[in-house]
Amino acid sequence: MKGSHKEKELEQLFKQDPSNDSFGKIINKAKRRTVFRNVLISVVVLGLLTIASGIAWLSIMRWHESNALRDIELFSQITDPNIEEMGPQQQSNGLFESILRFERYKVIEGIPVDWSEETMTYSLFGGVKRVYRRPFLYHSGRRRNGADELL
């Protein structure tokens, strides 16, 4: 007898008639909540992944920058002895490569003299290449009575 009473309640619950419209509303409300919850979780996870990938990208670019600076310094010691770089100035940081600019000087008789300006690029995938080197041009002069005179 108990089984028949429960069966009648279940039949009445799942019956598709206009009097049982509140059950459909409850189901639609639960579906909306589930969809809203899933969208909210997806947005939060996407935001966290975006932030984490941005931080990872910056740290990878900084690591490649330090490797590029080391490579540039070692190459400069071999090809241009006695020429020093004044600290690198980063001009731009692209998605896959960045540009570094150096002003270089040479110490001649104890006096630092501007020597050249170099622009180098380094890539996220490794490698350094020179974009251009601009030598500084100065007038050559000769001292006469303590004053500079143009030749």
N, C-alpha and C. Protein backbone atom coordinates (compact mmCIF):
# COMPACT_ATOMS: atom_id res chain seq x y z
N MET A 1 0.81 -1.18 0.00
CA MET A 1 0.00 0.00 0.00
C MET A 1 0.86 1.26 0.00
N LYS A 2 1.98 1.16 0.74
CA LYS A 2 2.86 2.31 0.76
C LYS A 2 3.47 2.53 -0.63
N GLY A 3 3.82 1.48 -1.31
CA GLY A 3 4.40 1.58 -2.64
C GLY A 3 3.43 2.25 -3.61
N SER A 4 2.18 1.97 -3.49
CA SER A 4 1.21 2.56 -4.41
C SER A 4 1.01 4.04 -4.11
N HIS A 5 1.10 4.42 -2.87
CA HIS A 5 0.94 5.83 -2.51
C HIS A 5 2.13 6.65 -3.05
N LYS A 6 3.34 6.09 -2.93
CA LYS A 6 4.52 6.78 -3.44
C LYS A 6 4.48 6.84 -4.96
N GLU A 7 3.99 5.80 -5.58
CA GLU A 7 3.88 5.79 -7.04
C GLU A 7 2.91 6.86 -7.51
N LYS A 8 1.82 7.02 -6.81
CA LYS A 8 0.83 8.04 -7.18
C LYS A 8 1.44 9.45 -7.05
N GLU A 9 2.25 9.67 -5.99
CA GLU A 9 2.90 10.97 -5.81
C GLU A 9 3.89 11.25 -6.94
N LEU A 10 4.64 10.21 -7.32
CA LEU A 10 5.60 10.38 -8.41
C LEU A 10 4.88 10.64 -9.74
N GLU A 11 3.79 9.94 -10.00
CA GLU A 11 3.03 10.18 -11.23
C GLU A 11 2.50 11.59 -11.27
N GLN A 12 2.00 12.03 -10.14
CA GLN A 12 1.44 13.38 -10.07
C GLN A 12 2.57 14.43 -10.25
N LEU A 13 3.74 14.14 -9.72
CA LEU A 13 4.86 15.06 -9.81
C LEU A 13 5.34 15.23 -11.25
N PHE A 14 5.42 14.13 -11.97
CA PHE A 14 5.93 14.17 -13.34
C PHE A 14 4.84 14.31 -14.39
N LYS A 15 3.65 14.52 -14.01
CA LYS A 15 2.54 14.69 -14.93
C LYS A 15 2.70 16.01 -15.67
N GLN A 16 2.47 16.02 -16.94
CA GLN A 16 2.61 17.23 -17.77
C GLN A 16 1.25 17.88 -17.98
N ASP A 17 0.75 18.49 -16.98
CA ASP A 17 -0.50 19.23 -17.13
C ASP A 17 -0.31 20.65 -16.64
N PRO A 18 -1.18 21.57 -17.01
CA PRO A 18 -1.02 22.98 -16.63
C PRO A 18 -0.99 23.21 -15.13
N SER A 19 -1.59 22.33 -14.36
CA SER A 19 -1.59 22.54 -12.91
C SER A 19 -0.21 22.29 -12.31
N ASN A 20 0.64 21.56 -13.03
CA ASN A 20 1.98 21.23 -12.53
C ASN A 20 3.03 22.15 -13.14
N ASP A 21 2.70 23.40 -13.43
CA ASP A 21 3.60 24.37 -14.08
C ASP A 21 4.71 24.84 -13.14
N SER A 22 4.49 24.82 -11.84
CA SER A 22 5.50 25.29 -10.89
C SER A 22 6.74 24.40 -10.93
N PHE A 23 6.57 23.10 -11.18
CA PHE A 23 7.72 22.20 -11.27
C PHE A 23 8.60 22.58 -12.46
N GLY A 24 8.02 22.94 -13.58
CA GLY A 24 8.77 23.38 -14.76
C GLY A 24 9.53 24.68 -14.48
N LYS A 25 8.91 25.57 -13.74
CA LYS A 25 9.59 26.82 -13.38
C LYS A 25 10.80 26.55 -12.49
N ILE A 26 10.63 25.60 -11.57
CA ILE A 26 11.74 25.26 -10.68
C ILE A 26 12.90 24.68 -11.50
N ILE A 27 12.59 23.82 -12.45
CA ILE A 27 13.63 23.22 -13.28
C ILE A 27 14.32 24.29 -14.13
N ASN A 28 13.56 25.19 -14.73
CA ASN A 28 14.16 26.28 -15.53
C ASN A 28 15.04 27.18 -14.68
N LYS A 29 14.61 27.47 -13.47
CA LYS A 29 15.41 28.30 -12.57
C LYS A 29 16.73 27.59 -12.21
N ALA A 30 16.66 26.28 -11.96
CA ALA A 30 17.87 25.52 -11.65
C ALA A 30 18.81 25.49 -12.85
N LYS A 31 18.28 25.37 -14.06
CA LYS A 31 19.11 25.39 -15.27
C LYS A 31 19.80 26.73 -15.43
N ARG A 32 19.06 27.83 -15.22
CA ARG A 32 19.66 29.17 -15.33
C ARG A 32 20.78 29.34 -14.31
N ARG A 33 20.55 28.88 -13.08
CA ARG A 33 21.59 28.98 -12.05
C ARG A 33 22.83 28.18 -12.44
N THR A 34 22.62 27.00 -12.98
CA THR A 34 23.75 26.15 -13.38
C THR A 34 24.53 26.80 -14.51
N VAL A 35 23.83 27.33 -15.50
CA VAL A 35 24.50 28.00 -16.62
C VAL A 35 25.25 29.23 -16.11
N PHE A 36 24.62 30.03 -15.26
CA PHE A 36 25.26 31.23 -14.72
C PHE A 36 26.51 30.85 -13.91
N ARG A 37 26.40 29.81 -13.09
CA ARG A 37 27.55 29.35 -12.29
C ARG A 37 28.69 28.88 -13.20
N ASN A 38 28.37 28.13 -14.24
CA ASN A 38 29.40 27.65 -15.16
C ASN A 38 30.07 28.80 -15.90
N VAL A 39 29.30 29.78 -16.33
CA VAL A 39 29.86 30.95 -17.02
C VAL A 39 30.76 31.72 -16.06
N LEU A 40 30.33 31.92 -14.84
CA LEU A 40 31.12 32.65 -13.85
C LEU A 40 32.44 31.91 -13.55
N ILE A 41 32.38 30.62 -13.38
CA ILE A 41 33.60 29.84 -13.13
C ILE A 41 34.53 29.93 -14.34
N SER A 42 33.98 29.85 -15.55
CA SER A 42 34.82 29.93 -16.76
C SER A 42 35.50 31.29 -16.87
N VAL A 43 34.78 32.37 -16.57
CA VAL A 43 35.36 33.71 -16.65
C VAL A 43 36.48 33.87 -15.62
N VAL A 44 36.26 33.38 -14.40
CA VAL A 44 37.28 33.49 -13.35
C VAL A 44 38.53 32.69 -13.74
N VAL A 45 38.33 31.46 -14.22
CA VAL A 45 39.47 30.63 -14.62
C VAL A 45 40.21 31.27 -15.79
N LEU A 46 39.48 31.80 -16.77
CA LEU A 46 40.12 32.47 -17.91
C LEU A 46 40.93 33.68 -17.46
N GLY A 47 40.38 34.46 -16.54
CA GLY A 47 41.11 35.61 -16.01
C GLY A 47 42.39 35.20 -15.29
N LEU A 48 42.30 34.17 -14.47
CA LEU A 48 43.49 33.69 -13.76
C LEU A 48 44.53 33.15 -14.74
N LEU A 49 44.10 32.43 -15.76
CA LEU A 49 45.04 31.92 -16.76
C LEU A 49 45.70 33.06 -17.55
N THR A 50 44.93 34.10 -17.85
CA THR A 50 45.49 35.25 -18.56
C THR A 50 46.55 35.95 -17.72
N ILE A 51 46.26 36.15 -16.45
CA ILE A 51 47.23 36.79 -15.56
C ILE A 51 48.47 35.92 -15.41
N ALA A 52 48.28 34.62 -15.21
CA ALA A 52 49.42 33.71 -15.04
C ALA A 52 50.27 33.65 -16.31
N SER A 53 49.63 33.62 -17.47
CA SER A 53 50.41 33.57 -18.72
C SER A 53 51.14 34.89 -18.96
N GLY A 54 50.55 36.02 -18.58
CA GLY A 54 51.23 37.31 -18.69
C GLY A 54 52.46 37.38 -17.81
N ILE A 55 52.35 36.90 -16.59
CA ILE A 55 53.49 36.90 -15.68
C ILE A 55 54.57 35.95 -16.20
N ALA A 56 54.16 34.79 -16.69
CA ALA A 56 55.13 33.84 -17.24
C ALA A 56 55.83 34.42 -18.46
N TRP A 57 55.09 35.10 -19.33
CA TRP A 57 55.68 35.71 -20.52
C TRP A 57 56.71 36.77 -20.13
N LEU A 58 56.36 37.62 -19.16
CA LEU A 58 57.31 38.65 -18.72
C LEU A 58 58.57 38.04 -18.12
N SER A 59 58.42 37.00 -17.32
CA SER A 59 59.61 36.41 -16.72
C SER A 59 60.47 35.72 -17.79
N ILE A 60 59.85 35.10 -18.78
CA ILE A 60 60.62 34.48 -19.86
C ILE A 60 61.35 35.55 -20.67
N MET A 61 60.69 36.68 -20.96
CA MET A 61 61.34 37.76 -21.71
C MET A 61 62.49 38.36 -20.90
N ARG A 62 62.34 38.51 -19.59
CA ARG A 62 63.43 39.03 -18.77
C ARG A 62 64.60 38.06 -18.75
N TRP A 63 64.33 36.77 -18.71
CA TRP A 63 65.38 35.78 -18.74
C TRP A 63 66.13 35.84 -20.07
N HIS A 64 65.38 35.96 -21.18
CA HIS A 64 66.04 36.08 -22.48
C HIS A 64 66.80 37.40 -22.59
N GLU A 65 66.30 38.45 -21.96
CA GLU A 65 67.01 39.72 -21.96
C GLU A 65 68.35 39.59 -21.25
N SER A 66 68.35 38.93 -20.10
CA SER A 66 69.63 38.77 -19.39
C SER A 66 70.60 37.91 -20.19
N ASN A 67 70.09 36.88 -20.87
CA ASN A 67 70.96 36.09 -21.74
C ASN A 67 71.49 36.92 -22.91
N ALA A 68 70.63 37.75 -23.48
CA ALA A 68 71.04 38.60 -24.61
C ALA A 68 72.09 39.61 -24.15
N LEU A 69 71.91 40.21 -22.98
CA LEU A 69 72.89 41.16 -22.46
C LEU A 69 74.24 40.49 -22.22
N ARG A 70 74.21 39.28 -21.69
CA ARG A 70 75.46 38.54 -21.48
C ARG A 70 76.14 38.25 -22.82
N ASP A 71 75.35 37.81 -23.81
CA ASP A 71 75.92 37.51 -25.12
C ASP A 71 76.50 38.76 -25.78
N ILE A 72 75.79 39.87 -25.67
CA ILE A 72 76.26 41.12 -26.26
C ILE A 72 77.56 41.57 -25.59
N GLU A 73 77.61 41.45 -24.27
CA GLU A 73 78.81 41.86 -23.55
C GLU A 73 80.01 41.00 -23.93
N LEU A 74 79.80 39.68 -23.99
CA LEU A 74 80.90 38.79 -24.35
C LEU A 74 81.36 39.04 -25.79
N PHE A 75 80.44 39.22 -26.70
CA PHE A 75 80.80 39.48 -28.09
C PHE A 75 81.53 40.81 -28.22
N SER A 76 81.06 41.80 -27.45
CA SER A 76 81.70 43.12 -27.49
C SER A 76 83.12 43.06 -26.93
N GLN A 77 83.35 42.25 -25.91
CA GLN A 77 84.70 42.13 -25.36
C GLN A 77 85.66 41.53 -26.38
N ILE A 78 85.15 40.68 -27.26
CA ILE A 78 86.00 40.06 -28.27
C ILE A 78 86.21 40.98 -29.46
N THR A 79 85.14 41.58 -29.96
CA THR A 79 85.23 42.37 -31.21
C THR A 79 85.65 43.82 -30.98
N ASP A 80 85.27 44.40 -29.85
CA ASP A 80 85.58 45.81 -29.58
C ASP A 80 86.23 45.94 -28.21
N PRO A 81 87.51 45.59 -28.09
CA PRO A 81 88.14 45.70 -26.78
C PRO A 81 88.23 47.17 -26.33
N ASN A 82 88.20 47.35 -25.05
CA ASN A 82 88.31 48.67 -24.42
C ASN A 82 87.13 49.59 -24.74
N ILE A 83 86.04 49.05 -25.23
CA ILE A 83 84.83 49.84 -25.44
C ILE A 83 83.78 49.30 -24.48
N GLU A 84 83.21 50.19 -23.70
CA GLU A 84 82.25 49.80 -22.67
C GLU A 84 80.85 50.25 -23.06
N GLU A 85 79.87 49.52 -22.57
CA GLU A 85 78.48 49.90 -22.79
C GLU A 85 77.96 50.62 -21.55
N MET A 86 77.29 51.74 -21.80
CA MET A 86 76.54 52.36 -20.72
C MET A 86 75.23 51.59 -20.68
N GLY A 87 74.70 51.35 -19.52
CA GLY A 87 73.54 50.50 -19.32
C GLY A 87 72.55 50.44 -20.46
N PRO A 88 71.98 49.28 -20.70
CA PRO A 88 71.03 49.14 -21.80
C PRO A 88 69.75 49.90 -21.52
N GLN A 89 69.18 50.43 -22.57
CA GLN A 89 67.90 51.12 -22.48
C GLN A 89 66.93 50.36 -23.37
N GLN A 90 65.91 49.81 -22.75
CA GLN A 90 64.96 49.02 -23.51
C GLN A 90 63.98 49.96 -24.19
N GLN A 91 63.91 49.87 -25.51
CA GLN A 91 63.03 50.75 -26.24
C GLN A 91 61.62 50.19 -26.34
N SER A 92 61.50 48.93 -26.68
CA SER A 92 60.17 48.36 -26.81
C SER A 92 60.20 46.88 -26.49
N ASN A 93 59.06 46.40 -26.10
CA ASN A 93 58.93 45.00 -25.75
C ASN A 93 57.77 44.45 -26.55
N GLY A 94 58.08 43.79 -27.67
CA GLY A 94 57.04 43.24 -28.51
C GLY A 94 56.56 41.90 -27.99
N LEU A 95 55.72 41.25 -28.75
CA LEU A 95 55.18 39.98 -28.33
C LEU A 95 56.24 38.89 -28.36
N PHE A 96 57.06 38.85 -29.41
CA PHE A 96 58.06 37.79 -29.54
C PHE A 96 59.49 38.31 -29.56
N GLU A 97 59.70 39.63 -29.61
CA GLU A 97 61.06 40.16 -29.58
C GLU A 97 61.06 41.55 -28.96
N SER A 98 62.23 41.94 -28.48
CA SER A 98 62.39 43.25 -27.86
C SER A 98 63.61 43.93 -28.43
N ILE A 99 63.66 45.24 -28.27
CA ILE A 99 64.74 46.05 -28.81
C ILE A 99 65.51 46.67 -27.65
N LEU A 100 66.83 46.53 -27.68
CA LEU A 100 67.71 47.15 -26.69
C LEU A 100 68.60 48.16 -27.38
N ARG A 101 68.82 49.28 -26.73
CA ARG A 101 69.70 50.31 -27.27
C ARG A 101 70.82 50.54 -26.27
N PHE A 102 72.05 50.61 -26.79
CA PHE A 102 73.23 50.85 -25.96
C PHE A 102 73.95 52.08 -26.46
N GLU A 103 74.40 52.88 -25.53
CA GLU A 103 75.35 53.94 -25.88
C GLU A 103 76.70 53.44 -25.38
N ARG A 104 77.67 53.49 -26.25
CA ARG A 104 78.98 52.93 -25.93
C ARG A 104 80.02 54.05 -25.82
N TYR A 105 81.00 53.82 -24.99
CA TYR A 105 82.07 54.81 -24.82
C TYR A 105 83.40 54.08 -24.73
N LYS A 106 84.45 54.83 -25.01
CA LYS A 106 85.81 54.31 -24.91
C LYS A 106 86.60 55.30 -24.06
N VAL A 107 87.43 54.76 -23.19
CA VAL A 107 88.25 55.61 -22.33
C VAL A 107 89.58 55.82 -23.05
N ILE A 108 89.84 57.09 -23.41
CA ILE A 108 91.07 57.46 -24.09
C ILE A 108 91.81 58.44 -23.20
N GLU A 109 92.99 58.07 -22.77
CA GLU A 109 93.82 58.86 -21.87
C GLU A 109 93.04 59.30 -20.63
N GLY A 110 92.24 58.36 -20.09
CA GLY A 110 91.50 58.63 -18.87
C GLY A 110 90.22 59.42 -19.06
N ILE A 111 89.87 59.76 -20.29
CA ILE A 111 88.67 60.55 -20.56
C ILE A 111 87.68 59.67 -21.32
N PRO A 112 86.45 59.51 -20.79
CA PRO A 112 85.46 58.73 -21.53
C PRO A 112 84.97 59.51 -22.75
N VAL A 113 85.01 58.85 -23.90
CA VAL A 113 84.59 59.47 -25.16
C VAL A 113 83.44 58.66 -25.73
N ASP A 114 82.35 59.35 -26.10
CA ASP A 114 81.24 58.64 -26.74
C ASP A 114 81.76 57.95 -27.99
N TRP A 115 81.41 56.68 -28.15
CA TRP A 115 81.97 55.92 -29.25
C TRP A 115 80.92 55.58 -30.30
N SER A 116 79.83 55.00 -29.87
CA SER A 116 78.78 54.64 -30.83
C SER A 116 77.49 54.34 -30.09
N GLU A 117 76.45 54.18 -30.87
CA GLU A 117 75.16 53.77 -30.34
C GLU A 117 74.73 52.53 -31.11
N GLU A 118 74.38 51.48 -30.39
CA GLU A 118 73.97 50.24 -31.03
C GLU A 118 72.54 49.92 -30.66
N THR A 119 71.83 49.35 -31.60
CA THR A 119 70.49 48.86 -31.34
C THR A 119 70.47 47.38 -31.69
N MET A 120 70.05 46.59 -30.72
CA MET A 120 70.02 45.13 -30.89
C MET A 120 68.61 44.64 -30.61
N THR A 121 68.26 43.52 -31.22
CA THR A 121 67.00 42.86 -30.90
C THR A 121 67.31 41.47 -30.37
N TYR A 122 66.47 41.02 -29.45
CA TYR A 122 66.55 39.65 -28.99
C TYR A 122 65.16 39.05 -29.07
N SER A 123 65.13 37.76 -29.30
CA SER A 123 63.87 37.08 -29.58
C SER A 123 63.46 36.20 -28.41
N LEU A 124 62.20 35.94 -28.31
CA LEU A 124 61.67 35.03 -27.32
C LEU A 124 62.19 33.62 -27.57
N PHE A 125 62.48 33.31 -28.83
CA PHE A 125 62.95 31.98 -29.19
C PHE A 125 64.47 31.89 -29.18
N GLY A 126 65.14 32.91 -28.69
CA GLY A 126 66.60 32.91 -28.59
C GLY A 126 67.22 33.63 -29.77
N GLY A 127 68.41 34.12 -29.56
CA GLY A 127 69.13 34.79 -30.61
C GLY A 127 69.12 36.30 -30.45
N VAL A 128 70.25 36.89 -30.83
CA VAL A 128 70.43 38.33 -30.77
C VAL A 128 70.91 38.78 -32.13
N LYS A 129 70.39 39.91 -32.62
CA LYS A 129 70.91 40.44 -33.88
C LYS A 129 71.00 41.95 -33.78
N ARG A 130 71.98 42.50 -34.47
CA ARG A 130 72.20 43.94 -34.47
C ARG A 130 71.30 44.57 -35.52
N VAL A 131 70.56 45.57 -35.12
CA VAL A 131 69.72 46.30 -36.06
C VAL A 131 70.55 47.36 -36.74
N TYR A 132 71.24 48.19 -35.95
CA TYR A 132 72.16 49.16 -36.55
C TYR A 132 73.15 49.64 -35.51
N ARG A 133 74.23 50.19 -36.02
CA ARG A 133 75.26 50.81 -35.19
C ARG A 133 75.51 52.18 -35.77
N ARG A 134 75.36 53.19 -34.95
CA ARG A 134 75.59 54.56 -35.40
C ARG A 134 76.80 55.10 -34.67
N PRO A 135 77.89 55.35 -35.40
CA PRO A 135 79.06 55.93 -34.73
C PRO A 135 78.81 57.41 -34.47
N PHE A 136 79.34 57.88 -33.37
CA PHE A 136 79.27 59.31 -33.09
C PHE A 136 80.36 60.00 -33.89
N LEU A 137 80.02 61.08 -34.54
CA LEU A 137 81.00 61.83 -35.34
C LEU A 137 81.35 63.12 -34.61
N TYR A 138 82.63 63.33 -34.44
CA TYR A 138 83.10 64.52 -33.77
C TYR A 138 84.07 65.25 -34.69
N HIS A 139 84.16 66.55 -34.50
CA HIS A 139 85.16 67.29 -35.28
C HIS A 139 86.53 66.96 -34.70
N SER A 140 87.49 66.91 -35.56
CA SER A 140 88.84 66.71 -35.05
C SER A 140 89.43 68.11 -34.87
N GLY A 141 90.07 68.28 -33.80
CA GLY A 141 90.60 69.62 -33.52
C GLY A 141 92.04 69.57 -33.09
N ARG A 142 92.66 70.71 -33.09
CA ARG A 142 94.04 70.76 -32.65
C ARG A 142 94.13 71.89 -31.64
N ARG A 143 94.89 71.66 -30.61
CA ARG A 143 95.01 72.66 -29.55
C ARG A 143 96.02 73.72 -29.94
N ARG A 144 95.58 74.92 -29.74
CA ARG A 144 96.52 76.02 -29.95
C ARG A 144 96.22 77.07 -28.89
N ASN A 145 97.18 77.32 -28.07
CA ASN A 145 97.06 78.28 -26.97
C ASN A 145 95.88 77.96 -26.05
N GLY A 146 95.63 76.66 -25.81
CA GLY A 146 94.60 76.25 -24.85
C GLY A 146 93.19 76.27 -25.42
N ALA A 147 93.01 76.59 -26.68
CA ALA A 147 91.66 76.65 -27.25
C ALA A 147 91.56 75.63 -28.39
N ASP A 148 90.37 75.09 -28.58
CA ASP A 148 90.16 74.16 -29.70
C ASP A 148 89.97 74.96 -30.98
N GLU A 149 90.58 74.48 -32.02
CA GLU A 149 90.42 75.13 -33.31
C GLU A 149 90.02 74.06 -34.32
N LEU A 150 89.00 74.32 -35.10
CA LEU A 150 88.56 73.34 -36.10
C LEU A 150 89.57 73.26 -37.22
N LEU A 151 89.80 72.07 -37.72
CA LEU A 151 90.70 71.88 -38.86
C LEU A 151 89.99 72.19 -40.15
